[in-house]
Amino acid sequence: MTKAEIVAEIANKTGIEKVAVQATVEAFMETIKNSMINGENVYLRGFGSFTIKKRAEKTGRNISKNTTIIIPAHNIPAFKPAKSFVIEVKDNVNVK
């Protein structure tokens, strides 16, 4: 499902214009992104958590040049779904 499909679905369910829904969805994503950039985790009860994971420094290999490189420590965004979310998906996904 794409962002445009999400906007259309919300607009159909709520009766709100697509332009307003689009602005709301964009603001929601921007707020989550800015919170994580500022080092804050975002917790949405019943849905999941957007957290920052710290990756330690490690040694990597460039196999085409046969050299080693140091990959510095860095942070990455991660999403962990809520337990109820996971259970719902497990019980209701149609296997194709």
Protein backbone atom coordinates (compact mmCIF):
# COMPACT_ATOMS: atom_id res chain seq x y z
CA MET A 1 0.00 0.00 0.00
CA THR A 2 1.38 3.40 -0.94
CA LYS A 3 1.00 6.74 0.82
CA ALA A 4 -1.52 7.83 -1.84
CA GLU A 5 -3.57 4.69 -1.20
CA ILE A 6 -3.48 5.34 2.57
CA VAL A 7 -4.68 8.92 2.01
CA ALA A 8 -7.50 7.71 -0.26
CA GLU A 9 -8.56 5.04 2.25
CA ILE A 10 -8.65 7.50 5.16
CA ALA A 11 -10.54 10.04 3.04
CA ASN A 12 -13.13 7.41 2.09
CA LYS A 13 -13.60 6.21 5.68
CA THR A 14 -13.80 9.65 7.29
CA GLY A 15 -15.33 11.80 4.58
CA ILE A 16 -12.53 14.34 4.93
CA GLU A 17 -11.10 15.82 1.72
CA LYS A 18 -8.00 14.10 0.34
CA VAL A 19 -6.01 17.36 0.50
CA ALA A 20 -6.61 17.66 4.26
CA VAL A 21 -5.82 13.98 4.83
CA GLN A 22 -2.64 14.32 2.75
CA ALA A 23 -1.50 17.28 4.87
CA THR A 24 -2.27 15.36 8.07
CA VAL A 25 -0.38 12.24 6.97
CA GLU A 26 2.60 14.36 5.86
CA ALA A 27 2.60 16.23 9.20
CA PHE A 28 2.39 12.92 11.10
CA MET A 29 5.39 11.47 9.26
CA GLU A 30 7.36 14.72 9.59
CA THR A 31 6.69 14.80 13.34
CA ILE A 32 7.94 11.23 13.78
CA LYS A 33 11.01 11.93 11.66
CA ASN A 34 11.87 15.15 13.55
CA SER A 35 11.41 13.46 16.92
CA MET A 36 13.80 10.70 15.93
CA ILE A 37 16.32 13.19 14.52
CA ASN A 38 16.23 14.89 17.94
CA GLY A 39 17.01 11.56 19.64
CA GLU A 40 13.48 10.82 20.89
CA ASN A 41 11.68 7.52 20.44
CA VAL A 42 8.01 7.58 19.39
CA TYR A 43 5.54 5.20 21.07
CA LEU A 44 2.09 4.60 19.60
CA ARG A 45 0.19 2.38 22.04
CA GLY A 46 -1.47 -0.55 20.28
CA PHE A 47 0.48 0.09 17.06
CA GLY A 48 4.22 0.06 17.76
CA SER A 49 7.37 1.98 18.56
CA PHE A 50 9.70 3.96 16.33
CA THR A 51 13.05 3.69 18.05
CA ILE A 52 16.66 4.61 17.41
CA LYS A 53 19.07 1.68 17.34
CA LYS A 54 22.76 2.23 17.88
CA ARG A 55 25.15 0.29 15.67
CA ALA A 56 28.68 -0.19 17.01
CA GLU A 57 31.79 0.47 14.97
CA LYS A 58 32.81 -2.55 12.94
CA THR A 59 35.25 -3.70 10.29
CA GLY A 60 33.92 -4.33 6.80
CA ARG A 61 35.54 -5.66 3.64
CA ASN A 62 35.55 -4.31 0.12
CA ILE A 63 35.85 -7.61 -1.71
CA SER A 64 36.43 -6.09 -5.14
CA LYS A 65 39.55 -4.25 -3.94
CA ASN A 66 40.39 -6.82 -1.21
CA THR A 67 40.69 -4.12 1.45
CA THR A 68 39.22 -3.64 4.89
CA ILE A 69 37.38 -0.52 5.98
CA ILE A 70 36.17 0.74 9.31
CA ILE A 71 32.43 1.37 9.43
CA PRO A 72 31.91 4.02 12.13
CA ALA A 73 29.30 3.73 14.89
CA HIS A 74 25.97 5.13 13.78
CA ASN A 75 22.26 5.27 14.62
CA ILE A 76 19.47 3.83 12.50
CA PRO A 77 15.69 4.17 12.77
CA ALA A 78 13.74 1.01 13.60
CA PHE A 79 10.10 0.03 14.04
CA LYS A 80 8.89 -2.55 16.52
CA PRO A 81 5.21 -3.46 16.20
CA ALA A 82 3.05 -3.78 19.32
CA LYS A 83 2.23 -7.28 20.51
CA SER A 84 -1.47 -6.86 19.68
CA PHE A 85 -0.51 -5.65 16.17
CA VAL A 86 1.65 -8.74 15.59
CA ILE A 87 -1.09 -11.09 16.79
CA GLU A 88 -3.70 -9.44 14.54
CA VAL A 89 -1.46 -9.71 11.49
CA LYS A 90 -0.58 -13.35 12.24
CA ASP A 91 -4.23 -14.32 12.64
CA ASN A 92 -5.67 -12.38 9.69
CA VAL A 93 -3.16 -12.38 6.82
CA ASN A 94 -4.39 -14.26 3.78
CA VAL A 95 -1.73 -16.68 2.62
CA LYS A 96 -1.39 -16.57 -1.17
